[in-house]
């Protein structure tokens, strides 16, 4: 069994304090030329909490926030997830000590990073062997039930990072605006959006995109039989568009789920969708840093304008739609 500590931005999954777009992604590792999804094979996930208080948050309060966040992910229907608090520890997160540790560290050098998740994994199977969550105590934090002005909500950030711990990447379902020093989130349709809400605001409820993502990794036969998917290509002048962001919107339920065209020929699949008609849209990742979502080494195409598929796409139950082609044009 080979082990590797994943420390790069693409798999460490930094959660910035203030960049973005309107997709869930699974984390993965390259094994013998093929991409293997990261996931836990053994449950419950046993985790420790660093026994260190910070202004506004005690170690037991951090443990309670983590417990609620784990429970939120485990409550998704038709998924098999469980966790167990193993105790307080003097160990810090990100140490590669074969223990899953969640804790605060003072990192003023990471002035835009609220938290990060790292992994030790089996690079052949993609099994997660250890995962640690670091929270930056340089920022002011709060555990107030309704939030606290000027302080980051602990449970919102921990919920996001535990999504990473389970193997989810970032969602692009959100909207931001430029402000002095970065971007401000106007709205997000996913806990896994990589930019945090402004201090004092909450994001503690899983959305359709989060649920589709975690279900795609851990969903059982009930999930597969109750949902469907849309497959197709995004093209520009007949050629594939790499890195296009796709959204599927269900007019009946109002649920929004995303996906990406992750190959040079522009092919995509949006899974975990409710059966029935869906509106499909393609857009470029030009409202923020594409590296927040996709490998920075990829030649992502940003030179096109958003476009809708020209008709509703019917998602079959327990199946995939006929292949569609979303045609976009250069800016």
Protein backbone atom coordinates (compact mmCIF):
# COMPACT_ATOMS: atom_id res chain seq x y z
CA UNK A 1 0.00 0.00 0.00
CA UNK A 2 1.43 3.37 -1.00
CA UNK A 3 0.60 6.44 1.02
CA UNK A 4 0.83 10.07 0.04
CA UNK A 5 0.11 13.28 1.90
CA UNK A 6 -1.90 15.46 -0.46
CA UNK A 7 -0.75 19.02 0.15
CA UNK A 8 -1.35 20.81 -3.15
CA UNK A 9 -4.07 23.43 -3.46
CA UNK A 10 -6.19 21.25 -5.75
CA UNK A 11 -6.56 18.55 -3.11
CA UNK A 12 -5.91 20.50 0.07
CA UNK A 13 -9.04 22.52 -0.71
CA UNK A 14 -8.43 25.93 0.75
CA UNK A 15 -11.57 27.76 1.84
CA UNK A 16 -10.92 31.43 1.11
CA UNK A 17 -12.27 34.19 3.29
CA UNK A 18 -13.56 36.24 0.46
CA UNK A 19 -13.31 34.51 -5.54
CA UNK A 20 -16.51 32.61 -7.91
CA UNK A 21 -19.47 31.68 -10.23
CA UNK A 22 -22.83 29.84 -10.46
CA UNK A 23 -21.18 21.91 -9.57
CA UNK A 24 -19.93 19.50 -7.53
CA UNK A 25 -16.59 17.84 -8.03
CA UNK A 26 -15.18 14.71 -6.47
CA UNK A 27 -11.56 14.75 -5.36
CA UNK A 28 -9.27 12.21 -6.97
CA UNK A 29 -5.75 10.97 -7.40
CA UNK A 30 -3.94 9.56 -10.43
CA UNK A 31 -3.26 5.84 -10.13
CA UNK A 32 -1.46 4.22 -13.02
CA UNK A 33 -2.81 6.71 -15.52
CA UNK A 34 -6.41 6.54 -14.32
CA UNK A 35 -8.28 8.88 -11.99
CA UNK A 36 -9.42 7.25 -8.76
CA UNK A 37 -11.99 8.98 -6.59
CA UNK A 38 -11.09 9.69 -2.98
CA UNK A 39 -13.43 8.09 -0.46
CA UNK A 40 -13.53 6.35 2.90
CA UNK A 41 -13.87 2.59 2.85
CA UNK A 42 -14.24 2.04 6.60
CA UNK A 43 -16.79 3.60 8.97
CA UNK A 44 -17.30 5.18 11.40
CA UNK A 45 -14.77 7.92 10.73
CA UNK A 46 -13.06 8.42 14.11
CA UNK A 47 -11.88 11.97 14.70
CA UNK A 48 -10.04 13.89 17.40
CA UNK A 49 -10.25 17.57 18.32
CA UNK A 50 -7.18 19.58 19.30
CA UNK A 51 -7.55 20.56 22.95
CA UNK A 52 -6.99 24.27 22.40
CA UNK A 53 -9.39 27.14 23.04
CA UNK A 54 -9.35 30.28 20.91
CA UNK A 55 -11.17 33.59 21.49
CA UNK A 56 -14.89 32.90 21.08
CA UNK A 57 -14.59 29.09 20.81
CA UNK A 58 -13.61 26.41 23.33
CA UNK A 59 -12.38 22.97 22.31
CA UNK A 60 -15.68 21.34 23.43
CA UNK A 61 -17.62 23.88 21.34
CA UNK A 62 -15.51 22.95 18.32
CA UNK A 63 -16.27 19.29 18.99
CA UNK A 64 -20.01 19.97 19.15
CA UNK A 65 -19.87 21.95 15.88
CA UNK A 66 -17.98 19.10 14.21
CA UNK A 67 -20.47 16.56 15.53
CA UNK A 68 -23.40 18.56 14.11
CA UNK A 69 -21.61 18.96 10.78
CA UNK A 70 -20.84 15.23 10.49
CA UNK A 71 -24.49 14.54 11.35
CA UNK A 72 -25.69 16.88 8.58
CA UNK A 73 -23.78 14.93 5.94
CA UNK A 74 -24.82 11.56 7.42
CA UNK A 75 -28.50 12.63 7.35
CA UNK A 76 -28.55 12.74 3.53
CA UNK A 77 -31.01 10.02 2.43
CA UNK A 78 -29.63 6.82 0.93
CA UNK A 79 -26.00 7.38 1.91
CA UNK A 80 -23.99 5.31 4.38
CA UNK A 81 -21.87 7.70 6.45
CA UNK A 82 -21.04 7.67 10.16
CA UNK A 83 -18.52 9.29 12.47
CA UNK A 84 -17.32 8.95 16.07
CA UNK A 85 -15.63 11.49 18.32
CA UNK A 86 -12.49 9.76 19.64
CA UNK A 87 -11.45 12.38 22.19
CA UNK A 88 -9.40 15.52 22.70
CA UNK A 89 -5.73 15.52 21.79
CA UNK A 90 -2.66 17.71 22.07
CA UNK A 91 -1.85 16.91 18.45
CA UNK A 92 -2.31 19.58 15.81
CA UNK A 93 -4.06 18.96 12.48
CA UNK A 94 -2.10 18.37 9.26
CA UNK A 95 0.58 16.33 11.03
CA UNK A 96 0.26 13.00 9.19
CA UNK A 97 0.11 11.02 12.44
CA UNK A 98 -2.52 8.44 11.38
CA UNK A 99 -5.22 10.27 13.35
CA UNK A 100 -8.01 12.43 11.96
CA UNK A 101 -7.60 15.74 13.79
CA UNK A 102 -9.71 18.89 13.66
CA UNK A 103 -8.22 21.94 15.34
CA UNK A 104 -7.18 25.57 15.35
CA UNK A 105 -3.76 26.91 14.44
CA UNK A 106 -2.63 30.52 14.30
CA UNK A 107 -1.55 31.16 10.70
CA UNK A 108 -1.46 34.92 10.04
CA UNK A 109 0.61 34.19 6.91
CA UNK A 110 -2.54 32.61 5.38
CA UNK A 111 -4.44 35.86 5.49
CA UNK A 112 -7.26 34.72 3.17
CA UNK A 113 -7.61 31.11 4.34
CA UNK A 114 -10.20 30.23 6.97
CA UNK A 115 -9.59 26.48 6.84
CA UNK A 116 -8.06 23.65 4.86
CA UNK A 117 -8.41 19.88 4.64
CA UNK A 118 -5.54 17.48 3.90
CA UNK A 119 -5.36 13.76 3.26
CA UNK A 120 -3.18 10.71 3.61
CA UNK A 121 -4.43 8.15 1.14
CA UNK A 122 -3.85 4.89 -0.64
CA UNK A 123 -2.80 6.11 -4.05
CA UNK A 124 -3.80 2.82 -5.70
CA UNK A 125 -7.38 2.53 -4.47
CA UNK A 126 -8.10 6.15 -3.53
CA UNK A 127 -9.04 5.08 0.00
CA UNK A 128 -8.72 7.93 2.48
CA UNK A 129 -6.58 6.73 5.38
CA UNK A 130 -6.36 10.00 7.31
CA UNK A 131 -7.80 13.48 6.95
CA UNK A 132 -7.08 16.57 9.02
CA UNK A 133 -8.93 19.89 9.17
CA UNK A 134 -7.05 23.06 10.04
CA UNK A 135 -8.95 26.19 11.13
CA UNK A 136 -7.16 29.52 11.16
CA UNK A 137 -7.41 31.17 14.58
CA UNK A 138 -6.11 34.43 13.09
CA UNK A 139 -9.75 35.12 12.21
CA UNK A 140 -12.43 35.88 14.83
CA UNK A 141 -14.84 32.94 15.28
CA UNK A 142 -18.30 32.42 16.75
CA UNK A 143 -20.60 29.56 17.74
CA UNK A 144 -23.64 31.80 18.28
CA UNK A 145 -26.80 30.02 17.01
CA UNK A 146 -27.80 32.98 14.82
CA UNK A 147 -24.30 34.14 13.98
CA UNK A 148 -22.37 37.06 15.41
CA UNK A 149 -21.48 40.28 13.61
CA UNK A 150 -17.83 40.50 12.65
CA UNK A 151 -17.09 36.82 13.37
CA UNK A 152 -16.92 33.76 11.12
CA UNK A 153 -19.51 31.09 11.87
CA UNK A 154 -17.64 27.98 12.99
CA UNK A 155 -20.26 25.39 12.04
CA UNK A 156 -20.62 26.80 8.50
CA UNK A 157 -16.89 26.47 7.83
CA UNK A 158 -16.56 23.08 9.53
CA UNK A 159 -19.52 21.76 7.49
CA UNK A 160 -17.70 22.82 4.30
CA UNK A 161 -14.40 21.25 5.36
CA UNK A 162 -16.06 17.98 6.39
CA UNK A 163 -17.50 17.86 2.88
CA UNK A 164 -13.90 17.87 1.66
CA UNK A 165 -12.96 15.27 4.29
CA UNK A 166 -15.56 12.96 2.72
CA UNK A 167 -14.06 13.46 -0.76
CA UNK A 168 -16.01 16.39 -2.24
CA UNK A 169 -14.35 19.19 -4.17
CA UNK A 170 -15.68 22.71 -4.64
CA UNK A 171 -19.01 23.69 -6.11
CA UNK A 172 -19.27 26.64 -8.49
CA UNK A 173 -22.88 27.41 -7.58
CA UNK A 174 -22.68 30.93 -6.27
CA UNK A 175 -22.44 34.57 -7.14
CA UNK A 176 -19.95 37.20 -6.00
CA UNK A 177 -19.16 40.83 -6.53
CA UNK A 178 -15.81 42.61 -6.57
CA UNK A 179 -14.95 44.60 -3.48
CA UNK A 180 -11.76 46.16 -2.19
CA UNK A 181 -9.31 43.32 -1.53
CA UNK A 182 -11.28 40.51 -3.17
CA UNK A 183 -14.86 39.35 -3.72
CA UNK A 184 -17.95 39.28 -1.57
CA UNK A 185 -20.45 36.45 -1.77
CA UNK A 186 -23.90 37.65 -2.79
CA UNK A 187 -25.44 34.19 -2.71
CA UNK A 188 -24.45 30.52 -2.83
CA UNK A 189 -26.43 27.42 -3.74
CA UNK A 190 -23.97 25.04 -2.09
CA UNK A 191 -22.14 24.62 1.19
CA UNK A 192 -19.18 23.53 -0.97
CA UNK A 193 -18.87 26.94 -2.64
CA UNK A 194 -15.20 27.92 -2.09
CA UNK A 195 -15.82 31.45 -0.82
CA UNK A 196 -17.23 32.05 2.64
CA UNK A 197 -20.10 34.38 3.36
CA UNK A 198 -19.17 37.62 5.06
CA UNK A 199 -18.47 37.39 8.78
CA UNK A 200 -21.66 37.09 10.79
CA UNK A 201 -23.60 35.11 8.16
CA UNK A 202 -24.50 31.42 8.23
CA UNK A 203 -24.27 28.64 5.62
CA UNK A 204 -25.22 25.54 7.65
CA UNK A 205 -27.77 23.86 5.37
CA UNK A 206 -26.83 21.39 2.63
CA UNK A 207 -28.26 22.29 -0.79
CA UNK A 208 -29.21 20.17 -3.78
CA UNK A 209 -25.69 20.32 -5.25
CA UNK A 210 -24.07 19.20 -1.99
CA UNK A 211 -26.55 16.35 -1.66
CA UNK A 212 -26.03 15.22 -5.27
CA UNK A 213 -22.26 15.24 -4.73
CA UNK A 214 -22.13 13.24 -1.52
CA UNK A 215 -24.74 10.83 -2.89
CA UNK A 216 -22.69 10.24 -6.03
CA UNK A 217 -19.78 9.07 -3.86
CA UNK A 218 -21.62 7.15 -1.13
CA UNK A 219 -25.19 6.70 -2.40
CA UNK A 220 -26.81 3.27 -2.28
CA UNK A 221 -29.06 1.49 -4.76
CA UNK A 222 -32.01 3.55 -3.55
CA UNK A 223 -30.29 6.74 -4.65
CA UNK A 224 -29.36 5.27 -8.04
CA UNK A 225 -32.89 4.06 -8.71
CA UNK A 226 -34.52 7.36 -7.69
CA UNK A 227 -32.34 9.77 -9.68
CA UNK A 228 -30.99 10.20 -13.20
CA UNK A 229 -28.39 12.15 -15.12
CA UNK A 230 -27.80 14.35 -18.15
CA UNK A 231 -24.90 13.67 -20.51
CA UNK A 232 -23.57 15.58 -23.45
CA UNK A 233 -20.94 17.94 -24.84
CA UNK A 234 -20.21 21.64 -24.77
CA UNK A 235 -18.87 22.80 -28.15
CA UNK A 236 -17.62 26.02 -29.73
CA UNK A 237 -17.33 26.06 -33.52
CA UNK A 238 -17.62 22.28 -33.43
CA UNK A 239 -14.72 21.75 -31.02
CA UNK A 240 -15.02 20.68 -27.39
CA UNK A 241 -14.84 23.23 -24.57
CA UNK A 242 -12.66 22.12 -21.65
CA UNK A 243 -13.68 23.41 -18.22
CA UNK A 244 -17.14 24.69 -19.04
CA UNK A 245 -19.43 24.82 -16.02
CA UNK A 246 -22.86 23.21 -16.51
CA UNK A 247 -25.99 23.70 -14.44
CA UNK A 248 -29.23 21.72 -14.44
CA UNK A 249 -32.24 23.55 -13.01
CA UNK A 250 -35.47 21.76 -12.14
CA UNK A 251 -38.33 24.26 -12.68
CA UNK A 252 -40.73 22.12 -10.63
CA UNK A 253 -38.63 21.90 -7.45
CA UNK A 254 -36.29 24.86 -7.91
CA UNK A 255 -33.25 22.64 -7.30
CA UNK A 256 -29.96 23.48 -9.00
CA UNK A 257 -27.15 20.96 -9.57
CA UNK A 258 -23.90 21.54 -11.44
CA UNK A 259 -21.17 19.75 -13.31
CA UNK A 260 -18.10 20.41 -15.45
CA UNK A 261 -16.88 19.47 -18.90
CA UNK A 262 -13.63 17.85 -17.80
CA UNK A 263 -12.21 16.52 -21.07
CA UNK A 264 -10.87 18.27 -24.18
CA UNK A 265 -13.85 17.07 -26.24
CA UNK A 266 -16.22 18.95 -23.92
CA UNK A 267 -18.10 15.91 -22.59
CA UNK A 268 -19.95 16.19 -19.28
CA UNK A 269 -22.32 14.29 -17.01
CA UNK A 270 -24.53 15.94 -14.37
CA UNK A 271 -25.69 13.20 -12.00
CA UNK A 272 -27.97 12.91 -8.99
CA UNK A 273 -30.87 14.72 -10.68
CA UNK A 274 -34.56 14.41 -9.98
CA UNK A 275 -36.43 12.77 -12.88
CA UNK A 276 -38.30 15.13 -15.14
CA UNK A 277 -37.63 18.24 -17.26
CA UNK A 278 -34.47 20.26 -16.56
CA UNK A 279 -33.05 23.52 -17.94
CA UNK A 280 -29.38 23.15 -18.90
CA UNK A 281 -26.93 26.05 -19.10
CA UNK A 282 -23.20 26.29 -19.87
CA UNK A 283 -20.98 29.13 -18.65
CA UNK A 284 -17.26 29.92 -18.33
CA UNK A 285 -15.44 29.93 -14.99
CA UNK A 286 -14.60 33.61 -15.34
CA UNK A 287 -16.11 35.04 -12.16
CA UNK A 288 -13.15 34.01 -10.03
CA UNK A 289 -10.06 31.82 -10.00
CA UNK A 290 -10.57 28.63 -12.08
CA UNK A 291 -7.90 27.02 -9.90
CA UNK A 292 -10.42 27.04 -7.04
CA UNK A 293 -12.35 24.36 -8.92
CA UNK A 294 -10.09 22.62 -11.45
CA UNK A 295 -6.44 21.65 -11.74
CA UNK A 296 -4.51 24.84 -12.54
CA UNK A 297 -2.45 22.93 -15.14
CA UNK A 298 -5.51 22.37 -17.34
CA UNK A 299 -5.99 24.62 -20.35
CA UNK A 300 -9.41 25.90 -19.28
CA UNK A 301 -11.38 27.74 -21.99
CA UNK A 302 -12.87 30.98 -20.67
CA UNK A 303 -13.49 32.58 -24.06
CA UNK A 304 -17.21 32.02 -24.53
CA UNK A 305 -20.50 33.50 -23.47
CA UNK A 306 -23.07 31.61 -21.37
CA UNK A 307 -25.65 29.64 -23.33
CA UNK A 308 -28.76 27.56 -22.63
CA UNK A 309 -29.54 24.29 -24.35
CA UNK A 310 -32.35 25.12 -26.72
CA UNK A 311 -34.98 22.90 -25.12
CA UNK A 312 -35.85 21.22 -21.85
CA UNK A 313 -33.98 17.98 -21.16
CA UNK A 314 -36.00 15.13 -19.67
CA UNK A 315 -34.08 13.16 -17.03
CA UNK A 316 -35.18 9.50 -16.83
CA UNK A 317 -35.44 7.74 -13.48
CA UNK A 318 -32.41 5.46 -12.93
CA UNK A 319 -31.01 6.40 -16.33
CA UNK A 320 -29.25 8.99 -18.44
CA UNK A 321 -30.78 11.41 -20.91
CA UNK A 322 -30.03 11.20 -24.57
CA UNK A 323 -26.75 12.98 -25.30
CA UNK A 324 -27.15 16.71 -25.86
CA UNK A 325 -24.87 19.34 -27.40
CA UNK A 326 -24.74 22.78 -25.81
CA UNK A 327 -23.30 25.19 -28.38
CA UNK A 328 -21.49 28.30 -27.13
CA UNK A 329 -19.88 31.21 -28.94
CA UNK A 330 -16.71 33.23 -28.41
CA UNK A 331 -17.01 36.45 -26.49
